[in-house]
Amino acid sequence: MSFTYRGKGYLALLLPLFVWVLSAVIFGHDAHVAQRVALLLTAVAVWYLGGKWNAEEGADEDGSSHQLAGIPMQWYSLVIIGVVVLSLG
């Protein structure tokens, strides 16, 4: 299985992973609230950056030039929020 990306779409995966690891290192691996807040802030950043970059750079035929696995970057913020919601249980 491989992930294909275009433009800066790889950041939709790397930003949440980096922020999650960073929050675990700073606040400890038991600080779940801090990790969830960090991921929610990352979701906002991914939505903003993906929308901005896809609007700026004359999008190609499918409407976006920054994708991960064929999905525009900004929509991965919903995946990040879904992970946070699932971790509440």
PDB file of N, CA and C in Angstrom:
ATOM      1  N   MET A   1       0.848  -1.174   0.000  1.00  0.00           N
ATOM      2  CA  MET A   1       0.000   0.000   0.000  1.00  0.00           C
ATOM      3  C   MET A   1       0.897   1.242   0.000  1.00  0.00           C
ATOM      4  N   SER A   2       0.548   2.169  -0.833  1.00  0.00           N
ATOM      5  CA  SER A   2       1.337   3.386  -0.872  1.00  0.00           C
ATOM      6  C   SER A   2       0.404   4.592  -0.925  1.00  0.00           C
ATOM      7  N   PHE A   3       0.900   5.686  -0.408  1.00  0.00           N
ATOM      8  CA  PHE A   3       0.167   6.941  -0.460  1.00  0.00           C
ATOM      9  C   PHE A   3       0.755   7.791  -1.566  1.00  0.00           C
ATOM     10  N   THR A   4      -0.092   8.218  -2.449  1.00  0.00           N
ATOM     11  CA  THR A   4       0.360   9.128  -3.483  1.00  0.00           C
ATOM     12  C   THR A   4      -0.043  10.539  -3.082  1.00  0.00           C
ATOM     13  N   TYR A   5       0.757  11.477  -3.457  1.00  0.00           N
ATOM     14  CA  TYR A   5       0.459  12.868  -3.124  1.00  0.00           C
ATOM     15  C   TYR A   5       0.848  13.752  -4.287  1.00  0.00           C
ATOM     16  N   ARG A   6       0.240  14.924  -4.306  1.00  0.00           N
ATOM     17  CA  ARG A   6       0.603  15.959  -5.258  1.00  0.00           C
ATOM     18  C   ARG A   6       0.804  17.243  -4.493  1.00  0.00           C
ATOM     19  N   GLY A   7       1.750  18.020  -4.938  1.00  0.00           N
ATOM     20  CA  GLY A   7       2.034  19.295  -4.284  1.00  0.00           C
ATOM     21  C   GLY A   7       2.472  19.086  -2.845  1.00  0.00           C
ATOM     22  N   LYS A   8       1.833  19.819  -1.950  1.00  0.00           N
ATOM     23  CA  LYS A   8       2.167  19.741  -0.529  1.00  0.00           C
ATOM     24  C   LYS A   8       1.185  18.856   0.232  1.00  0.00           C
ATOM     25  N   GLY A   9       0.517  17.963  -0.464  1.00  0.00           N
ATOM     26  CA  GLY A   9      -0.484  17.097   0.144  1.00  0.00           C
ATOM     27  C   GLY A   9       0.062  16.194   1.234  1.00  0.00           C
ATOM     28  N   TYR A  10       1.352  15.851   1.168  1.00  0.00           N
ATOM     29  CA  TYR A  10       1.953  14.999   2.189  1.00  0.00           C
ATOM     30  C   TYR A  10       1.887  15.633   3.579  1.00  0.00           C
ATOM     31  N   LEU A  11       1.757  16.959   3.634  1.00  0.00           N
ATOM     32  CA  LEU A  11       1.678  17.637   4.934  1.00  0.00           C
ATOM     33  C   LEU A  11       0.390  17.306   5.681  1.00  0.00           C
ATOM     34  N   ALA A  12      -0.635  16.855   4.965  1.00  0.00           N
ATOM     35  CA  ALA A  12      -1.885  16.455   5.619  1.00  0.00           C
ATOM     36  C   ALA A  12      -1.663  15.247   6.519  1.00  0.00           C
ATOM     37  N   LEU A  13      -0.649  14.460   6.244  1.00  0.00           N
ATOM     38  CA  LEU A  13      -0.299  13.314   7.083  1.00  0.00           C
ATOM     39  C   LEU A  13       0.812  13.650   8.065  1.00  0.00           C
ATOM     40  N   LEU A  14       1.805  14.390   7.618  1.00  0.00           N
ATOM     41  CA  LEU A  14       2.966  14.659   8.464  1.00  0.00           C
ATOM     42  C   LEU A  14       2.692  15.659   9.582  1.00  0.00           C
ATOM     43  N   LEU A  15       1.908  16.696   9.326  1.00  0.00           N
ATOM     44  CA  LEU A  15       1.626  17.689  10.373  1.00  0.00           C
ATOM     45  C   LEU A  15       0.950  17.072  11.602  1.00  0.00           C
ATOM     46  N   PRO A  16      -0.129  16.295  11.433  1.00  0.00           N
ATOM     47  CA  PRO A  16      -0.745  15.697  12.632  1.00  0.00           C
ATOM     48  C   PRO A  16       0.183  14.733  13.362  1.00  0.00           C
ATOM     49  N   LEU A  17       0.959  13.953  12.614  1.00  0.00           N
ATOM     50  CA  LEU A  17       1.881  13.028  13.273  1.00  0.00           C
ATOM     51  C   LEU A  17       2.943  13.783  14.063  1.00  0.00           C
ATOM     52  N   PHE A  18       3.492  14.823  13.461  1.00  0.00           N
ATOM     53  CA  PHE A  18       4.514  15.619  14.131  1.00  0.00           C
ATOM     54  C   PHE A  18       3.960  16.288  15.390  1.00  0.00           C
ATOM     55  N   VAL A  19       2.776  16.882  15.280  1.00  0.00           N
ATOM     56  CA  VAL A  19       2.180  17.580  16.419  1.00  0.00           C
ATOM     57  C   VAL A  19       1.812  16.587  17.529  1.00  0.00           C
ATOM     58  N   TRP A  20       1.320  15.412  17.154  1.00  0.00           N
ATOM     59  CA  TRP A  20       0.967  14.399  18.144  1.00  0.00           C
ATOM     60  C   TRP A  20       2.206  13.938  18.918  1.00  0.00           C
ATOM     61  N   VAL A  21       3.290  13.647  18.204  1.00  0.00           N
ATOM     62  CA  VAL A  21       4.531  13.228  18.861  1.00  0.00           C
ATOM     63  C   VAL A  21       5.092  14.363  19.711  1.00  0.00           C
ATOM     64  N   LEU A  22       5.076  15.579  19.191  1.00  0.00           N
ATOM     65  CA  LEU A  22       5.588  16.720  19.936  1.00  0.00           C
ATOM     66  C   LEU A  22       4.799  16.948  21.224  1.00  0.00           C
ATOM     67  N   SER A  23       3.468  16.846  21.153  1.00  0.00           N
ATOM     68  CA  SER A  23       2.663  17.043  22.365  1.00  0.00           C
ATOM     69  C   SER A  23       2.882  15.907  23.362  1.00  0.00           C
ATOM     70  N   ALA A  24       3.132  14.697  22.868  1.00  0.00           N
ATOM     71  CA  ALA A  24       3.418  13.581  23.774  1.00  0.00           C
ATOM     72  C   ALA A  24       4.760  13.780  24.471  1.00  0.00           C
ATOM     73  N   VAL A  25       5.734  14.327  23.757  1.00  0.00           N
ATOM     74  CA  VAL A  25       7.051  14.566  24.350  1.00  0.00           C
ATOM     75  C   VAL A  25       6.981  15.709  25.363  1.00  0.00           C
ATOM     76  N   ILE A  26       6.277  16.778  25.021  1.00  0.00           N
ATOM     77  CA  ILE A  26       6.224  17.947  25.895  1.00  0.00           C
ATOM     78  C   ILE A  26       5.361  17.688  27.125  1.00  0.00           C
ATOM     79  N   PHE A  27       4.166  17.136  26.919  1.00  0.00           N
ATOM     80  CA  PHE A  27       3.208  16.992  28.021  1.00  0.00           C
ATOM     81  C   PHE A  27       3.177  15.593  28.627  1.00  0.00           C
ATOM     82  N   GLY A  28       3.867  14.651  28.058  1.00  0.00           N
ATOM     83  CA  GLY A  28       3.868  13.284  28.557  1.00  0.00           C
ATOM     84  C   GLY A  28       2.855  12.446  27.803  1.00  0.00           C
ATOM     85  N   HIS A  29       3.100  11.144  27.786  1.00  0.00           N
ATOM     86  CA  HIS A  29       2.234  10.274  26.991  1.00  0.00           C
ATOM     87  C   HIS A  29       0.864  10.052  27.626  1.00  0.00           C
ATOM     88  N   ASP A  30       0.661  10.484  28.865  1.00  0.00           N
ATOM     89  CA  ASP A  30      -0.637  10.344  29.526  1.00  0.00           C
ATOM     90  C   ASP A  30      -1.494  11.607  29.441  1.00  0.00           C
ATOM     91  N   ALA A  31      -1.002  12.636  28.816  1.00  0.00           N
ATOM     92  CA  ALA A  31      -1.743  13.907  28.716  1.00  0.00           C
ATOM     93  C   ALA A  31      -2.636  13.889  27.480  1.00  0.00           C
ATOM     94  N   HIS A  32      -3.694  13.108  27.543  1.00  0.00           N
ATOM     95  CA  HIS A  32      -4.561  12.925  26.384  1.00  0.00           C
ATOM     96  C   HIS A  32      -5.309  14.199  26.001  1.00  0.00           C
ATOM     97  N   VAL A  33      -5.672  15.007  26.980  1.00  0.00           N
ATOM     98  CA  VAL A  33      -6.390  16.250  26.673  1.00  0.00           C
ATOM     99  C   VAL A  33      -5.492  17.185  25.864  1.00  0.00           C
ATOM    100  N   ALA A  34      -4.241  17.311  26.256  1.00  0.00           N
ATOM    101  CA  ALA A  34      -3.308  18.184  25.530  1.00  0.00           C
ATOM    102  C   ALA A  34      -3.084  17.663  24.111  1.00  0.00           C
ATOM    103  N   GLN A  35      -3.019  16.349  23.957  1.00  0.00           N
ATOM    104  CA  GLN A  35      -2.827  15.783  22.627  1.00  0.00           C
ATOM    105  C   GLN A  35      -4.047  16.013  21.745  1.00  0.00           C
ATOM    106  N   ARG A  36      -5.240  15.901  22.331  1.00  0.00           N
ATOM    107  CA  ARG A  36      -6.458  16.144  21.550  1.00  0.00           C
ATOM    108  C   ARG A  36      -6.566  17.604  21.127  1.00  0.00           C
ATOM    109  N   VAL A  37      -6.243  18.506  22.030  1.00  0.00           N
ATOM    110  CA  VAL A  37      -6.283  19.933  21.689  1.00  0.00           C
ATOM    111  C   VAL A  37      -5.259  20.231  20.589  1.00  0.00           C
ATOM    112  N   ALA A  38      -4.069  19.653  20.705  1.00  0.00           N
ATOM    113  CA  ALA A  38      -3.040  19.864  19.683  1.00  0.00           C
ATOM    114  C   ALA A  38      -3.510  19.341  18.328  1.00  0.00           C
ATOM    115  N   LEU A  39      -4.173  18.189  18.307  1.00  0.00           N
ATOM    116  CA  LEU A  39      -4.667  17.651  17.042  1.00  0.00           C
ATOM    117  C   LEU A  39      -5.802  18.494  16.469  1.00  0.00           C
ATOM    118  N   LEU A  40      -6.655  19.030  17.321  1.00  0.00           N
ATOM    119  CA  LEU A  40      -7.725  19.901  16.825  1.00  0.00           C
ATOM    120  C   LEU A  40      -7.149  21.178  16.214  1.00  0.00           C
ATOM    121  N   LEU A  41      -6.119  21.724  16.842  1.00  0.00           N
ATOM    122  CA  LEU A  41      -5.461  22.902  16.271  1.00  0.00           C
ATOM    123  C   LEU A  41      -4.784  22.556  14.944  1.00  0.00           C
ATOM    124  N   THR A  42      -4.243  21.347  14.859  1.00  0.00           N
ATOM    125  CA  THR A  42      -3.639  20.900  13.612  1.00  0.00           C
ATOM    126  C   THR A  42      -4.694  20.751  12.523  1.00  0.00           C
ATOM    127  N   ALA A  43      -5.890  20.270  12.895  1.00  0.00           N
ATOM    128  CA  ALA A  43      -6.972  20.144  11.920  1.00  0.00           C
ATOM    129  C   ALA A  43      -7.332  21.511  11.338  1.00  0.00           C
ATOM    130  N   VAL A  44      -7.360  22.519  12.184  1.00  0.00           N
ATOM    131  CA  VAL A  44      -7.639  23.880  11.706  1.00  0.00           C
ATOM    132  C   VAL A  44      -6.530  24.330  10.750  1.00  0.00           C
ATOM    133  N   ALA A  45      -5.288  24.049  11.103  1.00  0.00           N
ATOM    134  CA  ALA A  45      -4.164  24.453  10.256  1.00  0.00           C
ATOM    135  C   ALA A  45      -4.201  23.731   8.907  1.00  0.00           C
ATOM    136  N   VAL A  46      -4.502  22.434   8.918  1.00  0.00           N
ATOM    137  CA  VAL A  46      -4.565  21.669   7.670  1.00  0.00           C
ATOM    138  C   VAL A  46      -5.698  22.189   6.789  1.00  0.00           C
ATOM    139  N   TRP A  47      -6.848  22.487   7.398  1.00  0.00           N
ATOM    140  CA  TRP A  47      -7.979  23.032   6.616  1.00  0.00           C
ATOM    141  C   TRP A  47      -7.608  24.374   5.985  1.00  0.00           C
ATOM    142  N   TYR A  48      -7.020  25.246   6.797  1.00  0.00           N
ATOM    143  CA  TYR A  48      -6.660  26.583   6.316  1.00  0.00           C
ATOM    144  C   TYR A  48      -5.598  26.504   5.211  1.00  0.00           C
ATOM    145  N   LEU A  49      -4.507  25.787   5.488  1.00  0.00           N
ATOM    146  CA  LEU A  49      -3.412  25.718   4.520  1.00  0.00           C
ATOM    147  C   LEU A  49      -3.841  25.022   3.237  1.00  0.00           C
ATOM    148  N   GLY A  50      -4.561  23.917   3.361  1.00  0.00           N
ATOM    149  CA  GLY A  50      -5.011  23.212   2.172  1.00  0.00           C
ATOM    150  C   GLY A  50      -5.935  24.062   1.321  1.00  0.00           C
ATOM    151  N   GLY A  51      -6.875  24.745   1.964  1.00  0.00           N
ATOM    152  CA  GLY A  51      -7.786  25.612   1.220  1.00  0.00           C
ATOM    153  C   GLY A  51      -7.066  26.770   0.565  1.00  0.00           C
ATOM    154  N   LYS A  52      -6.134  27.355   1.292  1.00  0.00           N
ATOM    155  CA  LYS A  52      -5.388  28.500   0.764  1.00  0.00           C
ATOM    156  C   LYS A  52      -4.519  28.086  -0.422  1.00  0.00           C
ATOM    157  N   TRP A  53      -3.761  27.012  -0.250  1.00  0.00           N
ATOM    158  CA  TRP A  53      -2.866  26.578  -1.319  1.00  0.00           C
ATOM    159  C   TRP A  53      -3.626  26.103  -2.545  1.00  0.00           C
ATOM    160  N   ASN A  54      -4.726  25.398  -2.341  1.00  0.00           N
ATOM    161  CA  ASN A  54      -5.494  24.918  -3.486  1.00  0.00           C
ATOM    162  C   ASN A  54      -6.202  26.050  -4.208  1.00  0.00           C
ATOM    163  N   ALA A  55      -6.547  27.120  -3.503  1.00  0.00           N
ATOM    164  CA  ALA A  55      -7.189  28.262  -4.152  1.00  0.00           C
ATOM    165  C   ALA A  55      -6.171  29.134  -4.879  1.00  0.00           C
ATOM    166  N   GLU A  56      -4.970  29.247  -4.327  1.00  0.00           N
ATOM    167  CA  GLU A  56      -3.941  30.111  -4.899  1.00  0.00           C
ATOM    168  C   GLU A  56      -3.400  29.591  -6.220  1.00  0.00           C
ATOM    169  N   GLU A  57      -2.988  28.359  -6.217  1.00  0.00           N
ATOM    170  CA  GLU A  57      -2.274  27.810  -7.365  1.00  0.00           C
ATOM    171  C   GLU A  57      -3.256  27.266  -8.379  1.00  0.00           C
ATOM    172  N   GLY A  58      -3.620  28.026  -9.338  1.00  0.00           N
ATOM    173  CA  GLY A  58      -4.551  27.614 -10.374  1.00  0.00           C
ATOM    174  C   GLY A  58      -4.805  26.133 -10.367  1.00  0.00           C
ATOM    175  N   ALA A  59      -5.817  25.729  -9.690  1.00  0.00           N
ATOM    176  CA  ALA A  59      -6.112  24.314  -9.521  1.00  0.00           C
ATOM    177  C   ALA A  59      -6.284  23.630 -10.873  1.00  0.00           C
ATOM    178  N   ASP A  60      -5.917  22.369 -10.910  1.00  0.00           N
ATOM    179  CA  ASP A  60      -6.013  21.630 -12.161  1.00  0.00           C
ATOM    180  C   ASP A  60      -7.440  21.140 -12.404  1.00  0.00           C
ATOM    181  N   GLU A  61      -7.592  20.153 -13.263  1.00  0.00           N
ATOM    182  CA  GLU A  61      -8.915  19.740 -13.721  1.00  0.00           C
ATOM    183  C   GLU A  61      -9.859  19.281 -12.617  1.00  0.00           C
ATOM    184  N   ASP A  62      -9.349  18.727 -11.526  1.00  0.00           N
ATOM    185  CA  ASP A  62     -10.247  18.253 -10.469  1.00  0.00           C
ATOM    186  C   ASP A  62     -10.391  19.261  -9.327  1.00  0.00           C
ATOM    187  N   GLY A  63      -9.812  20.432  -9.449  1.00  0.00           N
ATOM    188  CA  GLY A  63     -10.060  21.506  -8.502  1.00  0.00           C
ATOM    189  C   GLY A  63      -9.039  21.661  -7.408  1.00  0.00           C
ATOM    190  N   SER A  64      -8.016  20.822  -7.358  1.00  0.00           N
ATOM    191  CA  SER A  64      -7.012  21.001  -6.315  1.00  0.00           C
ATOM    192  C   SER A  64      -5.669  20.463  -6.782  1.00  0.00           C
ATOM    193  N   SER A  65      -4.625  21.129  -6.381  1.00  0.00           N
ATOM    194  CA  SER A  65      -3.285  20.698  -6.775  1.00  0.00           C
ATOM    195  C   SER A  65      -2.492  20.145  -5.604  1.00  0.00           C
ATOM    196  N   HIS A  66      -3.050  20.177  -4.400  1.00  0.00           N
ATOM    197  CA  HIS A  66      -2.376  19.623  -3.221  1.00  0.00           C
ATOM    198  C   HIS A  66      -3.273  18.529  -2.660  1.00  0.00           C
ATOM    199  N   GLN A  67      -2.875  17.278  -2.940  1.00  0.00           N
ATOM    200  CA  GLN A  67      -3.708  16.139  -2.573  1.00  0.00           C
ATOM    201  C   GLN A  67      -2.885  15.063  -1.893  1.00  0.00           C
ATOM    202  N   LEU A  68      -3.568  14.257  -1.098  1.00  0.00           N
ATOM    203  CA  LEU A  68      -2.993  13.041  -0.525  1.00  0.00           C
ATOM    204  C   LEU A  68      -3.965  11.924  -0.851  1.00  0.00           C
ATOM    205  N   ALA A  69      -3.500  10.911  -1.549  1.00  0.00           N
ATOM    206  CA  ALA A  69      -4.312   9.763  -1.949  1.00  0.00           C
ATOM    207  C   ALA A  69      -5.534  10.203  -2.744  1.00  0.00           C
ATOM    208  N   GLY A  70      -5.396  11.236  -3.558  1.00  0.00           N
ATOM    209  CA  GLY A  70      -6.461  11.687  -4.422  1.00  0.00           C
ATOM    210  C   GLY A  70      -7.508  12.569  -3.770  1.00  0.00           C
ATOM    211  N   ILE A  71      -7.334  12.885  -2.499  1.00  0.00           N
ATOM    212  CA  ILE A  71      -8.286  13.726  -1.769  1.00  0.00           C
ATOM    213  C   ILE A  71      -7.615  15.062  -1.481  1.00  0.00           C
ATOM    214  N   PRO A  72      -8.305  16.178  -1.754  1.00  0.00           N
ATOM    215  CA  PRO A  72      -7.705  17.490  -1.472  1.00  0.00           C
ATOM    216  C   PRO A  72      -7.277  17.615  -0.006  1.00  0.00           C
ATOM    217  N   MET A  73      -6.173  18.272   0.185  1.00  0.00           N
ATOM    218  CA  MET A  73      -5.536  18.364   1.499  1.00  0.00           C
ATOM    219  C   MET A  73      -6.465  18.850   2.595  1.00  0.00           C
ATOM    220  N   GLN A  74      -7.283  19.865   2.341  1.00  0.00           N
ATOM    221  CA  GLN A  74      -8.093  20.446   3.405  1.00  0.00           C
ATOM    222  C   GLN A  74      -9.115  19.471   3.969  1.00  0.00           C
ATOM    223  N   TRP A  75      -9.528  18.476   3.196  1.00  0.00           N
ATOM    224  CA  TRP A  75     -10.537  17.535   3.684  1.00  0.00           C
ATOM    225  C   TRP A  75      -9.970  16.555   4.705  1.00  0.00           C
ATOM    226  N   TYR A  76      -8.663  16.467   4.813  1.00  0.00           N
ATOM    227  CA  TYR A  76      -8.063  15.602   5.834  1.00  0.00           C
ATOM    228  C   TYR A  76      -8.248  16.168   7.243  1.00  0.00           C
ATOM    229  N   SER A  77      -8.626  17.418   7.337  1.00  0.00           N
ATOM    230  CA  SER A  77      -8.921  17.962   8.669  1.00  0.00           C
ATOM    231  C   SER A  77     -10.119  17.233   9.275  1.00  0.00           C
ATOM    232  N   LEU A  78     -11.064  16.806   8.445  1.00  0.00           N
ATOM    233  CA  LEU A  78     -12.198  16.031   8.955  1.00  0.00           C
ATOM    234  C   LEU A  78     -11.752  14.663   9.467  1.00  0.00           C
ATOM    235  N   VAL A  79     -10.759  14.079   8.829  1.00  0.00           N
ATOM    236  CA  VAL A  79     -10.204  12.812   9.304  1.00  0.00           C
ATOM    237  C   VAL A  79      -9.533  13.009  10.661  1.00  0.00           C
ATOM    238  N   ILE A  80      -8.806  14.097  10.816  1.00  0.00           N
ATOM    239  CA  ILE A  80      -8.130  14.396  12.081  1.00  0.00           C
ATOM    240  C   ILE A  80      -9.172  14.591  13.183  1.00  0.00           C
ATOM    241  N   ILE A  81     -10.225  15.337  12.892  1.00  0.00           N
ATOM    242  CA  ILE A  81     -11.278  15.538  13.884  1.00  0.00           C
ATOM    243  C   ILE A  81     -11.945  14.208  14.223  1.00  0.00           C
ATOM    244  N   GLY A  82     -12.136  13.352  13.240  1.00  0.00           N
ATOM    245  CA  GLY A  82     -12.701  12.028  13.490  1.00  0.00           C
ATOM    246  C   GLY A  82     -11.831  11.196  14.407  1.00  0.00           C
ATOM    247  N   VAL A  83     -10.531  11.285  14.259  1.00  0.00           N
ATOM    248  CA  VAL A  83      -9.611  10.562  15.151  1.00  0.00           C
ATOM    249  C   VAL A  83      -9.744  11.083  16.572  1.00  0.00           C
ATOM    250  N   VAL A  84      -9.851  12.392  16.718  1.00  0.00           N
ATOM    251  CA  VAL A  84     -10.014  12.982  18.055  1.00  0.00           C
ATOM    252  C   VAL A  84     -11.329  12.513  18.680  1.00  0.00           C
ATOM    253  N   VAL A  85     -12.399  12.525  17.915  1.00  0.00           N
ATOM    254  CA  VAL A  85     -13.703  12.098  18.441  1.00  0.00           C
ATOM    255  C   VAL A  85     -13.661  10.625  18.831  1.00  0.00           C
ATOM    256  N   LEU A  86     -13.050   9.795  18.022  1.00  0.00           N
ATOM    257  CA  LEU A  86     -12.953   8.371  18.342  1.00  0.00           C
ATOM    258  C   LEU A  86     -12.099   8.116  19.581  1.00  0.00           C
ATOM    259  N   SER A  87     -11.139   8.988  19.838  1.00  0.00           N
ATOM    260  CA  SER A  87     -10.273   8.796  21.014  1.00  0.00           C
ATOM    261  C   SER A  87     -10.966   9.201  22.307  1.00  0.00           C
ATOM    262  N   LEU A  88     -12.125   9.827  22.229  1.00  0.00           N
ATOM    263  CA  LEU A  88     -12.850  10.229  23.439  1.00  0.00           C
ATOM    264  C   LEU A  88     -13.458   9.041  24.169  1.00  0.00           C
ATOM    265  N   GLY A  89     -13.753   7.985  23.450  1.00  0.00           N
ATOM    266  CA  GLY A  89     -14.451   6.834  24.029  1.00  0.00           C
ATOM    267  C   GLY A  89     -13.655   5.929  24.862  1.00  0.00           C
TER     268      GLY A  89
END
